[in-house]
N, C-alpha and C. Protein backbone atom coordinates (compact mmCIF):
# COMPACT_ATOMS: atom_id res chain seq x y z
N MET A 1 -54.44 -19.45 -99.23
CA MET A 1 -54.61 -19.74 -100.64
C MET A 1 -53.32 -20.36 -101.18
N PRO A 2 -53.35 -21.58 -101.64
CA PRO A 2 -52.13 -22.19 -102.20
C PRO A 2 -51.69 -21.45 -103.46
N GLU A 3 -50.39 -21.30 -103.59
CA GLU A 3 -49.85 -20.61 -104.76
C GLU A 3 -49.29 -21.59 -105.79
N ALA A 4 -49.16 -22.84 -105.45
CA ALA A 4 -48.61 -23.83 -106.38
C ALA A 4 -49.72 -24.39 -107.26
N GLY A 5 -49.41 -24.53 -108.53
CA GLY A 5 -50.35 -25.13 -109.46
C GLY A 5 -49.98 -26.59 -109.68
N LEU A 6 -50.76 -27.28 -110.49
CA LEU A 6 -50.50 -28.69 -110.77
C LEU A 6 -49.11 -28.90 -111.37
N GLY A 7 -48.69 -28.01 -112.25
CA GLY A 7 -47.36 -28.12 -112.84
C GLY A 7 -46.27 -28.02 -111.79
N ASP A 8 -46.45 -27.12 -110.81
CA ASP A 8 -45.48 -26.98 -109.73
C ASP A 8 -45.39 -28.27 -108.92
N VAL A 9 -46.53 -28.83 -108.60
CA VAL A 9 -46.56 -30.06 -107.82
C VAL A 9 -45.91 -31.19 -108.60
N ASP A 10 -46.22 -31.31 -109.88
CA ASP A 10 -45.64 -32.35 -110.72
C ASP A 10 -44.12 -32.22 -110.76
N ARG A 11 -43.61 -31.01 -110.95
CA ARG A 11 -42.16 -30.79 -110.98
C ARG A 11 -41.52 -31.14 -109.63
N ALA A 12 -42.18 -30.79 -108.55
CA ALA A 12 -41.64 -31.08 -107.22
C ALA A 12 -41.59 -32.58 -106.98
N VAL A 13 -42.63 -33.29 -107.38
CA VAL A 13 -42.66 -34.75 -107.18
C VAL A 13 -41.57 -35.42 -108.02
N ARG A 14 -41.42 -34.97 -109.27
CA ARG A 14 -40.38 -35.56 -110.12
C ARG A 14 -38.98 -35.28 -109.56
N ALA A 15 -38.76 -34.07 -109.07
CA ALA A 15 -37.46 -33.72 -108.48
C ALA A 15 -37.19 -34.56 -107.23
N ALA A 16 -38.20 -34.75 -106.40
CA ALA A 16 -38.04 -35.57 -105.20
C ALA A 16 -37.73 -37.01 -105.57
N HIS A 17 -38.39 -37.53 -106.57
CA HIS A 17 -38.16 -38.90 -107.02
C HIS A 17 -36.72 -39.05 -107.53
N ARG A 18 -36.27 -38.10 -108.35
CA ARG A 18 -34.88 -38.16 -108.86
C ARG A 18 -33.88 -38.09 -107.71
N ALA A 19 -34.12 -37.18 -106.76
CA ALA A 19 -33.20 -37.02 -105.63
C ALA A 19 -33.16 -38.27 -104.77
N PHE A 20 -34.32 -38.88 -104.54
CA PHE A 20 -34.38 -40.07 -103.69
C PHE A 20 -33.60 -41.22 -104.31
N HIS A 21 -33.68 -41.36 -105.61
CA HIS A 21 -33.04 -42.48 -106.29
C HIS A 21 -31.62 -42.18 -106.76
N ALA A 22 -31.16 -40.96 -106.60
CA ALA A 22 -29.80 -40.59 -107.00
C ALA A 22 -28.79 -41.27 -106.08
N PRO A 23 -27.65 -41.68 -106.62
CA PRO A 23 -26.64 -42.35 -105.80
C PRO A 23 -26.16 -41.52 -104.62
N VAL A 24 -26.23 -40.20 -104.74
CA VAL A 24 -25.77 -39.34 -103.65
C VAL A 24 -26.60 -39.59 -102.38
N TRP A 25 -27.85 -40.05 -102.51
CA TRP A 25 -28.69 -40.39 -101.36
C TRP A 25 -28.80 -41.89 -101.18
N SER A 26 -29.19 -42.59 -102.23
CA SER A 26 -29.42 -44.03 -102.10
C SER A 26 -28.14 -44.79 -101.85
N GLY A 27 -26.99 -44.20 -102.20
CA GLY A 27 -25.72 -44.86 -101.96
C GLY A 27 -25.19 -44.69 -100.55
N LEU A 28 -25.84 -43.87 -99.75
CA LEU A 28 -25.41 -43.66 -98.36
C LEU A 28 -25.87 -44.82 -97.48
N THR A 29 -25.13 -45.06 -96.43
CA THR A 29 -25.57 -46.04 -95.45
C THR A 29 -26.75 -45.47 -94.67
N ALA A 30 -27.45 -46.33 -93.99
CA ALA A 30 -28.58 -45.87 -93.16
C ALA A 30 -28.09 -44.91 -92.09
N SER A 31 -26.93 -45.17 -91.51
CA SER A 31 -26.39 -44.28 -90.48
C SER A 31 -26.08 -42.90 -91.04
N ALA A 32 -25.50 -42.87 -92.23
CA ALA A 32 -25.17 -41.58 -92.86
C ALA A 32 -26.45 -40.81 -93.18
N ARG A 33 -27.47 -41.51 -93.70
CA ARG A 33 -28.75 -40.82 -93.97
C ARG A 33 -29.35 -40.32 -92.67
N GLY A 34 -29.26 -41.13 -91.62
CA GLY A 34 -29.78 -40.72 -90.32
C GLY A 34 -29.10 -39.47 -89.80
N ARG A 35 -27.77 -39.40 -89.95
CA ARG A 35 -27.05 -38.21 -89.50
C ARG A 35 -27.50 -36.98 -90.28
N LEU A 36 -27.70 -37.14 -91.58
CA LEU A 36 -28.19 -36.01 -92.39
C LEU A 36 -29.59 -35.58 -91.95
N LEU A 37 -30.45 -36.54 -91.68
CA LEU A 37 -31.81 -36.20 -91.24
C LEU A 37 -31.79 -35.53 -89.87
N LEU A 38 -30.89 -35.97 -88.99
CA LEU A 38 -30.77 -35.29 -87.69
C LEU A 38 -30.27 -33.86 -87.87
N ARG A 39 -29.36 -33.67 -88.81
CA ARG A 39 -28.87 -32.31 -89.10
C ARG A 39 -30.01 -31.44 -89.62
N LEU A 40 -30.84 -32.02 -90.49
CA LEU A 40 -32.01 -31.30 -90.98
C LEU A 40 -32.93 -30.93 -89.82
N ALA A 41 -33.15 -31.88 -88.91
CA ALA A 41 -34.00 -31.60 -87.74
C ALA A 41 -33.42 -30.45 -86.92
N ASP A 42 -32.09 -30.43 -86.76
CA ASP A 42 -31.45 -29.34 -86.02
C ASP A 42 -31.67 -28.00 -86.72
N LEU A 43 -31.54 -27.98 -88.04
CA LEU A 43 -31.73 -26.74 -88.79
C LEU A 43 -33.17 -26.24 -88.70
N VAL A 44 -34.12 -27.18 -88.78
CA VAL A 44 -35.53 -26.80 -88.65
C VAL A 44 -35.79 -26.26 -87.25
N GLN A 45 -35.22 -26.93 -86.24
CA GLN A 45 -35.40 -26.48 -84.86
C GLN A 45 -34.82 -25.08 -84.66
N ALA A 46 -33.65 -24.82 -85.26
CA ALA A 46 -33.03 -23.51 -85.13
C ALA A 46 -33.89 -22.42 -85.79
N ALA A 47 -34.60 -22.79 -86.85
CA ALA A 47 -35.46 -21.84 -87.55
C ALA A 47 -36.88 -21.84 -87.02
N ALA A 48 -37.15 -22.61 -85.96
CA ALA A 48 -38.52 -22.77 -85.45
C ALA A 48 -39.23 -21.45 -85.15
N PRO A 49 -38.58 -20.49 -84.50
CA PRO A 49 -39.31 -19.24 -84.24
C PRO A 49 -39.79 -18.56 -85.52
N ARG A 50 -38.92 -18.50 -86.52
CA ARG A 50 -39.30 -17.88 -87.80
C ARG A 50 -40.39 -18.70 -88.50
N LEU A 51 -40.20 -20.02 -88.51
CA LEU A 51 -41.21 -20.89 -89.14
C LEU A 51 -42.55 -20.78 -88.42
N ALA A 52 -42.53 -20.67 -87.09
CA ALA A 52 -43.77 -20.53 -86.33
C ALA A 52 -44.49 -19.23 -86.68
N ARG A 53 -43.72 -18.15 -86.83
CA ARG A 53 -44.35 -16.88 -87.22
C ARG A 53 -44.97 -16.98 -88.61
N LEU A 54 -44.27 -17.63 -89.54
CA LEU A 54 -44.82 -17.81 -90.89
C LEU A 54 -46.08 -18.67 -90.86
N GLU A 55 -46.04 -19.74 -90.08
CA GLU A 55 -47.20 -20.63 -89.98
C GLU A 55 -48.38 -19.91 -89.33
N THR A 56 -48.08 -19.09 -88.33
CA THR A 56 -49.13 -18.31 -87.68
C THR A 56 -49.78 -17.34 -88.65
N ARG A 57 -48.93 -16.69 -89.43
CA ARG A 57 -49.45 -15.74 -90.43
C ARG A 57 -50.29 -16.48 -91.48
N ASP A 58 -49.84 -17.68 -91.86
CA ASP A 58 -50.52 -18.44 -92.90
C ASP A 58 -51.85 -19.03 -92.42
N THR A 59 -51.88 -19.54 -91.18
CA THR A 59 -53.07 -20.27 -90.71
C THR A 59 -53.94 -19.49 -89.74
N GLY A 60 -53.37 -18.46 -89.13
CA GLY A 60 -54.13 -17.71 -88.14
C GLY A 60 -54.10 -18.34 -86.76
N GLU A 61 -53.33 -19.43 -86.59
CA GLU A 61 -53.21 -20.05 -85.26
C GLU A 61 -52.45 -19.10 -84.34
N ILE A 62 -52.64 -19.28 -83.04
CA ILE A 62 -51.87 -18.47 -82.11
C ILE A 62 -50.43 -18.95 -82.12
N LEU A 63 -49.49 -18.08 -81.82
CA LEU A 63 -48.07 -18.36 -82.01
C LEU A 63 -47.57 -19.56 -81.22
N ARG A 64 -48.05 -19.80 -80.03
CA ARG A 64 -47.48 -20.91 -79.25
C ARG A 64 -47.86 -22.28 -79.81
N GLN A 65 -48.91 -22.38 -80.60
CA GLN A 65 -49.31 -23.68 -81.15
C GLN A 65 -48.38 -24.18 -82.24
N PRO A 66 -48.09 -23.40 -83.28
CA PRO A 66 -47.30 -23.95 -84.37
C PRO A 66 -45.85 -24.25 -84.04
N SER A 67 -45.25 -23.60 -83.04
CA SER A 67 -43.83 -23.81 -82.80
C SER A 67 -43.52 -25.25 -82.42
N ALA A 68 -44.44 -25.96 -81.81
CA ALA A 68 -44.21 -27.37 -81.46
C ALA A 68 -44.13 -28.26 -82.71
N GLN A 69 -44.68 -27.81 -83.81
CA GLN A 69 -44.65 -28.60 -85.05
C GLN A 69 -43.24 -28.75 -85.59
N PHE A 70 -42.31 -27.93 -85.16
CA PHE A 70 -40.98 -27.91 -85.75
C PHE A 70 -39.95 -28.65 -84.90
N ASP A 71 -40.39 -29.42 -83.90
CA ASP A 71 -39.48 -30.22 -83.09
C ASP A 71 -39.41 -31.61 -83.71
N LEU A 72 -38.57 -31.78 -84.72
CA LEU A 72 -38.51 -33.02 -85.47
C LEU A 72 -37.68 -34.09 -84.79
N ARG A 73 -36.79 -33.72 -83.90
CA ARG A 73 -35.96 -34.73 -83.24
C ARG A 73 -36.79 -35.67 -82.38
N GLY A 74 -37.90 -35.22 -81.88
CA GLY A 74 -38.73 -36.06 -81.03
C GLY A 74 -39.54 -37.10 -81.80
N LEU A 75 -39.50 -37.06 -83.11
CA LEU A 75 -40.30 -38.00 -83.90
C LEU A 75 -39.78 -39.42 -83.85
N ALA A 76 -38.48 -39.58 -83.72
CA ALA A 76 -37.90 -40.93 -83.71
C ALA A 76 -36.75 -40.98 -82.72
N PRO A 77 -37.04 -40.95 -81.44
CA PRO A 77 -35.96 -40.91 -80.43
C PRO A 77 -34.92 -42.00 -80.54
N PRO A 78 -35.28 -43.26 -80.85
CA PRO A 78 -34.25 -44.30 -80.92
C PRO A 78 -33.21 -44.03 -82.00
N CYS A 79 -33.56 -43.29 -83.01
CA CYS A 79 -32.63 -43.02 -84.10
C CYS A 79 -31.46 -42.17 -83.64
N GLY A 80 -31.68 -41.30 -82.68
CA GLY A 80 -30.63 -40.39 -82.26
C GLY A 80 -29.32 -41.12 -81.96
N ALA A 81 -29.35 -42.11 -81.07
CA ALA A 81 -28.16 -42.84 -80.72
C ALA A 81 -27.70 -43.73 -81.87
N ALA A 82 -28.63 -44.41 -82.50
CA ALA A 82 -28.27 -45.34 -83.59
C ALA A 82 -27.65 -44.60 -84.76
N CYS A 83 -28.17 -43.43 -85.08
CA CYS A 83 -27.65 -42.67 -86.23
C CYS A 83 -26.30 -42.05 -85.92
N GLN A 84 -25.95 -41.99 -84.67
CA GLN A 84 -24.65 -41.42 -84.31
C GLN A 84 -23.65 -42.52 -83.98
N GLY A 85 -24.01 -43.78 -84.30
CA GLY A 85 -23.09 -44.89 -84.10
C GLY A 85 -23.05 -45.44 -82.70
N ARG A 86 -24.00 -45.06 -81.85
CA ARG A 86 -24.07 -45.57 -80.49
C ARG A 86 -25.26 -46.51 -80.39
N PRO A 87 -25.23 -47.47 -79.48
CA PRO A 87 -26.40 -48.36 -79.29
C PRO A 87 -27.62 -47.55 -78.87
N ALA A 88 -28.77 -47.93 -79.35
CA ALA A 88 -30.02 -47.21 -79.01
C ALA A 88 -30.46 -47.54 -77.61
């Protein structure tokens, strides 16, 4: 059962829009944004066991299925080298 209402969604979308267009993000180079996204992927991966348990509790899936959802580094392999300043 979702707990967010329309007002929650509207506030989240507006906050995301402001954050995306803020100079702190839009002023970064693509490489710097890539490094931040890779760091986010690492943090999600580190929390994968906990996130998998939460997802299992939320959806009723068996535990081994949801844990693969949290491997974000595999989504864009060429970025790994490029975002770290090395040729892809």
